[in-house]
Amino acid sequence: MSKIEEIIDGFKNCQKKKIGNFSTFNAKFTLNDVPCELEYDLSSFTLENLQKLVIFTTKNRTSIKN
């Protein structure tokens, strides 16, 4: 439950800043020791593809922490 509260508190703090677009997803990763960053506009994604993205990022984020 504390993680949810932390996210909500962080969200309230972010609202004070100018928010460009809620549908933009930024991904940072390393490929062959080269840092990369991608930006996706999620507004054209289907609900099914958004669910797949959430599952993928959640699994990978969890495996990185462990």
PDB file of N, CA and C in Angstrom:
ATOM      1  N   MET A   1       0.817  -1.184   0.000  1.00  0.00           N
ATOM      2  CA  MET A   1       0.000   0.000   0.000  1.00  0.00           C
ATOM      3  C   MET A   1       0.865   1.253   0.000  1.00  0.00           C
ATOM      4  N   SER A   2       2.021   1.226   0.632  1.00  0.00           N
ATOM      5  CA  SER A   2       2.866   2.414   0.692  1.00  0.00           C
ATOM      6  C   SER A   2       3.375   2.810  -0.690  1.00  0.00           C
ATOM      7  N   LYS A   3       3.572   1.846  -1.579  1.00  0.00           N
ATOM      8  CA  LYS A   3       4.014   2.149  -2.944  1.00  0.00           C
ATOM      9  C   LYS A   3       2.934   2.941  -3.677  1.00  0.00           C
ATOM     10  N   ILE A   4       1.675   2.575  -3.486  1.00  0.00           N
ATOM     11  CA  ILE A   4       0.567   3.297  -4.112  1.00  0.00           C
ATOM     12  C   ILE A   4       0.530   4.730  -3.596  1.00  0.00           C
ATOM     13  N   GLU A   5       0.682   4.901  -2.294  1.00  0.00           N
ATOM     14  CA  GLU A   5       0.689   6.240  -1.711  1.00  0.00           C
ATOM     15  C   GLU A   5       1.856   7.059  -2.245  1.00  0.00           C
ATOM     16  N   GLU A   6       3.013   6.426  -2.410  1.00  0.00           N
ATOM     17  CA  GLU A   6       4.192   7.107  -2.941  1.00  0.00           C
ATOM     18  C   GLU A   6       3.941   7.591  -4.372  1.00  0.00           C
ATOM     19  N   ILE A   7       3.305   6.753  -5.178  1.00  0.00           N
ATOM     20  CA  ILE A   7       3.001   7.114  -6.565  1.00  0.00           C
ATOM     21  C   ILE A   7       2.014   8.271  -6.608  1.00  0.00           C
ATOM     22  N   ILE A   8       0.994   8.207  -5.767  1.00  0.00           N
ATOM     23  CA  ILE A   8      -0.012   9.273  -5.740  1.00  0.00           C
ATOM     24  C   ILE A   8       0.621  10.587  -5.294  1.00  0.00           C
ATOM     25  N   ASP A   9       1.463  10.543  -4.273  1.00  0.00           N
ATOM     26  CA  ASP A   9       2.149  11.755  -3.823  1.00  0.00           C
ATOM     27  C   ASP A   9       3.045  12.311  -4.926  1.00  0.00           C
ATOM     28  N   GLY A  10       3.737  11.426  -5.624  1.00  0.00           N
ATOM     29  CA  GLY A  10       4.583  11.853  -6.737  1.00  0.00           C
ATOM     30  C   GLY A  10       3.770  12.467  -7.855  1.00  0.00           C
ATOM     31  N   PHE A  11       2.592  11.917  -8.106  1.00  0.00           N
ATOM     32  CA  PHE A  11       1.722  12.435  -9.158  1.00  0.00           C
ATOM     33  C   PHE A  11       1.244  13.837  -8.813  1.00  0.00           C
ATOM     34  N   LYS A  12       0.883  14.048  -7.541  1.00  0.00           N
ATOM     35  CA  LYS A  12       0.440  15.381  -7.124  1.00  0.00           C
ATOM     36  C   LYS A  12       1.556  16.399  -7.322  1.00  0.00           C
ATOM     37  N   ASN A  13       2.795  16.004  -7.042  1.00  0.00           N
ATOM     38  CA  ASN A  13       3.927  16.910  -7.224  1.00  0.00           C
ATOM     39  C   ASN A  13       4.189  17.183  -8.696  1.00  0.00           C
ATOM     40  N   CYS A  14       3.964  16.213  -9.545  1.00  0.00           N
ATOM     41  CA  CYS A  14       4.168  16.391 -10.986  1.00  0.00           C
ATOM     42  C   CYS A  14       3.143  17.342 -11.580  1.00  0.00           C
ATOM     43  N   GLN A  15       1.963  17.401 -11.011  1.00  0.00           N
ATOM     44  CA  GLN A  15       0.921  18.255 -11.557  1.00  0.00           C
ATOM     45  C   GLN A  15       1.294  19.725 -11.473  1.00  0.00           C
ATOM     46  N   LYS A  16       2.179  20.097 -10.563  1.00  0.00           N
ATOM     47  CA  LYS A  16       2.611  21.480 -10.448  1.00  0.00           C
ATOM     48  C   LYS A  16       3.455  21.884 -11.648  1.00  0.00           C
ATOM     49  N   LYS A  17       4.121  20.928 -12.252  1.00  0.00           N
ATOM     50  CA  LYS A  17       4.924  21.183 -13.438  1.00  0.00           C
ATOM     51  C   LYS A  17       4.014  21.184 -14.655  1.00  0.00           C
ATOM     52  N   LYS A  18       4.496  21.770 -15.737  1.00  0.00           N
ATOM     53  CA  LYS A  18       3.718  21.763 -16.974  1.00  0.00           C
ATOM     54  C   LYS A  18       3.737  20.348 -17.556  1.00  0.00           C
ATOM     55  N   ILE A  19       2.562  19.813 -17.796  1.00  0.00           N
ATOM     56  CA  ILE A  19       2.441  18.463 -18.340  1.00  0.00           C
ATOM     57  C   ILE A  19       2.109  18.577 -19.820  1.00  0.00           C
ATOM     58  N   GLY A  20       2.971  18.016 -20.648  1.00  0.00           N
ATOM     59  CA  GLY A  20       2.784  18.116 -22.083  1.00  0.00           C
ATOM     60  C   GLY A  20       1.675  17.222 -22.594  1.00  0.00           C
ATOM     61  N   ASN A  21       1.816  15.925 -22.369  1.00  0.00           N
ATOM     62  CA  ASN A  21       0.859  14.994 -22.935  1.00  0.00           C
ATOM     63  C   ASN A  21       0.874  13.705 -22.112  1.00  0.00           C
ATOM     64  N   PHE A  22      -0.295  13.301 -21.626  1.00  0.00           N
ATOM     65  CA  PHE A  22      -0.379  12.075 -20.835  1.00  0.00           C
ATOM     66  C   PHE A  22      -0.171  10.826 -21.684  1.00  0.00           C
ATOM     67  N   SER A  23      -0.334  10.933 -22.987  1.00  0.00           N
ATOM     68  CA  SER A  23      -0.250   9.752 -23.836  1.00  0.00           C
ATOM     69  C   SER A  23       1.171   9.473 -24.322  1.00  0.00           C
ATOM     70  N   THR A  24       2.155  10.213 -23.831  1.00  0.00           N
ATOM     71  CA  THR A  24       3.533  10.000 -24.253  1.00  0.00           C
ATOM     72  C   THR A  24       4.235   9.066 -23.272  1.00  0.00           C
ATOM     73  N   PHE A  25       4.893   8.045 -23.809  1.00  0.00           N
ATOM     74  CA  PHE A  25       5.620   7.065 -23.008  1.00  0.00           C
ATOM     75  C   PHE A  25       7.092   7.151 -23.385  1.00  0.00           C
ATOM     76  N   ASN A  26       7.953   7.368 -22.410  1.00  0.00           N
ATOM     77  CA  ASN A  26       9.389   7.416 -22.652  1.00  0.00           C
ATOM     78  C   ASN A  26      10.027   6.132 -22.152  1.00  0.00           C
ATOM     79  N   ALA A  27      10.887   5.549 -22.967  1.00  0.00           N
ATOM     80  CA  ALA A  27      11.591   4.326 -22.583  1.00  0.00           C
ATOM     81  C   ALA A  27      13.088   4.561 -22.694  1.00  0.00           C
ATOM     82  N   LYS A  28      13.799   4.282 -21.618  1.00  0.00           N
ATOM     83  CA  LYS A  28      15.255   4.392 -21.620  1.00  0.00           C
ATOM     84  C   LYS A  28      15.824   2.994 -21.423  1.00  0.00           C
ATOM     85  N   PHE A  29      16.810   2.642 -22.241  1.00  0.00           N
ATOM     86  CA  PHE A  29      17.424   1.327 -22.140  1.00  0.00           C
ATOM     87  C   PHE A  29      18.823   1.386 -22.726  1.00  0.00           C
ATOM     88  N   THR A  30      19.571   0.304 -22.549  1.00  0.00           N
ATOM     89  CA  THR A  30      20.920   0.206 -23.096  1.00  0.00           C
ATOM     90  C   THR A  30      20.961  -0.948 -24.080  1.00  0.00           C
ATOM     91  N   LEU A  31      21.520  -0.679 -25.247  1.00  0.00           N
ATOM     92  CA  LEU A  31      21.640  -1.694 -26.288  1.00  0.00           C
ATOM     93  C   LEU A  31      23.092  -1.739 -26.731  1.00  0.00           C
ATOM     94  N   ASN A  32      23.751  -2.866 -26.498  1.00  0.00           N
ATOM     95  CA  ASN A  32      25.177  -3.006 -26.816  1.00  0.00           C
ATOM     96  C   ASN A  32      26.002  -1.893 -26.182  1.00  0.00           C
ATOM     97  N   ASP A  33      25.753  -1.640 -24.910  1.00  0.00           N
ATOM     98  CA  ASP A  33      26.447  -0.611 -24.126  1.00  0.00           C
ATOM     99  C   ASP A  33      26.223   0.813 -24.637  1.00  0.00           C
ATOM    100  N   VAL A  34      25.196   1.022 -25.443  1.00  0.00           N
ATOM    101  CA  VAL A  34      24.853   2.358 -25.938  1.00  0.00           C
ATOM    102  C   VAL A  34      23.523   2.765 -25.312  1.00  0.00           C
ATOM    103  N   PRO A  35      23.513   3.854 -24.533  1.00  0.00           N
ATOM    104  CA  PRO A  35      22.245   4.296 -23.943  1.00  0.00           C
ATOM    105  C   PRO A  35      21.284   4.777 -25.027  1.00  0.00           C
ATOM    106  N   CYS A  36      20.040   4.342 -24.937  1.00  0.00           N
ATOM    107  CA  CYS A  36      19.023   4.701 -25.924  1.00  0.00           C
ATOM    108  C   CYS A  36      17.791   5.243 -25.208  1.00  0.00           C
ATOM    109  N   GLU A  37      17.042   6.062 -25.919  1.00  0.00           N
ATOM    110  CA  GLU A  37      15.791   6.586 -25.381  1.00  0.00           C
ATOM    111  C   GLU A  37      14.778   6.659 -26.515  1.00  0.00           C
ATOM    112  N   LEU A  38      13.598   6.114 -26.258  1.00  0.00           N
ATOM    113  CA  LEU A  38      12.511   6.142 -27.230  1.00  0.00           C
ATOM    114  C   LEU A  38      11.318   6.867 -26.636  1.00  0.00           C
ATOM    115  N   GLU A  39      10.557   7.492 -27.496  1.00  0.00           N
ATOM    116  CA  GLU A  39       9.338   8.153 -27.051  1.00  0.00           C
ATOM    117  C   GLU A  39       8.195   7.650 -27.923  1.00  0.00           C
ATOM    118  N   TYR A  40       7.143   7.162 -27.280  1.00  0.00           N
ATOM    119  CA  TYR A  40       5.983   6.623 -27.982  1.00  0.00           C
ATOM    120  C   TYR A  40       4.767   7.495 -27.704  1.00  0.00           C
ATOM    121  N   ASP A  41       3.942   7.679 -28.711  1.00  0.00           N
ATOM    122  CA  ASP A  41       2.641   8.317 -28.513  1.00  0.00           C
ATOM    123  C   ASP A  41       1.629   7.191 -28.361  1.00  0.00           C
ATOM    124  N   LEU A  42       1.147   6.999 -27.149  1.00  0.00           N
ATOM    125  CA  LEU A  42       0.265   5.876 -26.845  1.00  0.00           C
ATOM    126  C   LEU A  42      -1.185   6.120 -27.236  1.00  0.00           C
ATOM    127  N   SER A  43      -1.503   7.302 -27.722  1.00  0.00           N
ATOM    128  CA  SER A  43      -2.901   7.614 -28.036  1.00  0.00           C
ATOM    129  C   SER A  43      -3.450   6.750 -29.167  1.00  0.00           C
ATOM    130  N   SER A  44      -2.570   6.213 -30.008  1.00  0.00           N
ATOM    131  CA  SER A  44      -3.051   5.378 -31.110  1.00  0.00           C
ATOM    132  C   SER A  44      -2.999   3.880 -30.783  1.00  0.00           C
ATOM    133  N   PHE A  45      -2.525   3.525 -29.572  1.00  0.00           N
ATOM    134  CA  PHE A  45      -2.455   2.124 -29.179  1.00  0.00           C
ATOM    135  C   PHE A  45      -3.845   1.606 -28.826  1.00  0.00           C
ATOM    136  N   THR A  46      -4.090   0.349 -29.131  1.00  0.00           N
ATOM    137  CA  THR A  46      -5.338  -0.287 -28.710  1.00  0.00           C
ATOM    138  C   THR A  46      -5.224  -0.647 -27.230  1.00  0.00           C
ATOM    139  N   LEU A  47      -6.345  -0.900 -26.602  1.00  0.00           N
ATOM    140  CA  LEU A  47      -6.337  -1.295 -25.195  1.00  0.00           C
ATOM    141  C   LEU A  47      -5.526  -2.574 -25.002  1.00  0.00           C
ATOM    142  N   GLU A  48      -5.655  -3.499 -25.934  1.00  0.00           N
ATOM    143  CA  GLU A  48      -4.905  -4.758 -25.848  1.00  0.00           C
ATOM    144  C   GLU A  48      -3.397  -4.499 -25.882  1.00  0.00           C
ATOM    145  N   ASN A  49      -2.948  -3.619 -26.767  1.00  0.00           N
ATOM    146  CA  ASN A  49      -1.521  -3.312 -26.850  1.00  0.00           C
ATOM    147  C   ASN A  49      -1.028  -2.567 -25.613  1.00  0.00           C
ATOM    148  N   LEU A  50      -1.862  -1.713 -25.046  1.00  0.00           N
ATOM    149  CA  LEU A  50      -1.492  -1.030 -23.806  1.00  0.00           C
ATOM    150  C   LEU A  50      -1.337  -2.029 -22.666  1.00  0.00           C
ATOM    151  N   GLN A  51      -2.239  -3.013 -22.604  1.00  0.00           N
ATOM    152  CA  GLN A  51      -2.138  -4.048 -21.572  1.00  0.00           C
ATOM    153  C   GLN A  51      -0.857  -4.858 -21.743  1.00  0.00           C
ATOM    154  N   LYS A  52      -0.503  -5.190 -22.978  1.00  0.00           N
ATOM    155  CA  LYS A  52       0.740  -5.924 -23.239  1.00  0.00           C
ATOM    156  C   LYS A  52       1.951  -5.107 -22.805  1.00  0.00           C
ATOM    157  N   LEU A  53       1.916  -3.809 -23.072  1.00  0.00           N
ATOM    158  CA  LEU A  53       3.019  -2.938 -22.676  1.00  0.00           C
ATOM    159  C   LEU A  53       3.168  -2.891 -21.157  1.00  0.00           C
ATOM    160  N   VAL A  54       2.057  -2.797 -20.452  1.00  0.00           N
ATOM    161  CA  VAL A  54       2.091  -2.779 -18.984  1.00  0.00           C
ATOM    162  C   VAL A  54       2.650  -4.089 -18.452  1.00  0.00           C
ATOM    163  N   ILE A  55       2.196  -5.201 -18.983  1.00  0.00           N
ATOM    164  CA  ILE A  55       2.682  -6.512 -18.537  1.00  0.00           C
ATOM    165  C   ILE A  55       4.178  -6.640 -18.803  1.00  0.00           C
ATOM    166  N   PHE A  56       4.611  -6.241 -19.991  1.00  0.00           N
ATOM    167  CA  PHE A  56       6.027  -6.338 -20.361  1.00  0.00           C
ATOM    168  C   PHE A  56       6.899  -5.471 -19.459  1.00  0.00           C
ATOM    169  N   THR A  57       6.516  -4.214 -19.275  1.00  0.00           N
ATOM    170  CA  THR A  57       7.341  -3.315 -18.463  1.00  0.00           C
ATOM    171  C   THR A  57       7.326  -3.717 -16.996  1.00  0.00           C
ATOM    172  N   THR A  58       6.199  -4.208 -16.506  1.00  0.00           N
ATOM    173  CA  THR A  58       6.119  -4.636 -15.113  1.00  0.00           C
ATOM    174  C   THR A  58       7.000  -5.855 -14.870  1.00  0.00           C
ATOM    175  N   LYS A  59       6.950  -6.834 -15.757  1.00  0.00           N
ATOM    176  CA  LYS A  59       7.784  -8.035 -15.607  1.00  0.00           C
ATOM    177  C   LYS A  59       9.259  -7.671 -15.663  1.00  0.00           C
ATOM    178  N   ASN A  60       9.643  -6.844 -16.624  1.00  0.00           N
ATOM    179  CA  ASN A  60      11.050  -6.486 -16.767  1.00  0.00           C
ATOM    180  C   ASN A  60      11.529  -5.614 -15.616  1.00  0.00           C
ATOM    181  N   ARG A  61      10.700  -4.730 -15.133  1.00  0.00           N
ATOM    182  CA  ARG A  61      11.068  -3.877 -14.003  1.00  0.00           C
ATOM    183  C   ARG A  61      11.239  -4.726 -12.747  1.00  0.00           C
ATOM    184  N   THR A  62      10.377  -5.700 -12.554  1.00  0.00           N
ATOM    185  CA  THR A  62      10.463  -6.585 -11.396  1.00  0.00           C
ATOM    186  C   THR A  62      11.725  -7.438 -11.466  1.00  0.00           C
ATOM    187  N   SER A  63      12.061  -7.952 -12.639  1.00  0.00           N
ATOM    188  CA  SER A  63      13.244  -8.803 -12.767  1.00  0.00           C
ATOM    189  C   SER A  63      14.526  -8.001 -12.586  1.00  0.00           C
ATOM    190  N   ILE A  64      14.513  -6.712 -12.924  1.00  0.00           N
ATOM    191  CA  ILE A  64      15.692  -5.868 -12.725  1.00  0.00           C
ATOM    192  C   ILE A  64      15.932  -5.643 -11.238  1.00  0.00           C
ATOM    193  N   LYS A  65      14.852  -5.435 -10.478  1.00  0.00           N
ATOM    194  CA  LYS A  65      14.979  -5.192  -9.041  1.00  0.00           C
ATOM    195  C   LYS A  65      15.491  -6.418  -8.308  1.00  0.00           C
ATOM    196  N   ASN A  66      15.146  -7.612  -8.776  1.00  0.00           N
ATOM    197  CA  ASN A  66      15.555  -8.854  -8.101  1.00  0.00           C
ATOM    198  C   ASN A  66      16.887  -9.233  -8.605  1.00  0.00           C
TER     199      ASN A  66
END
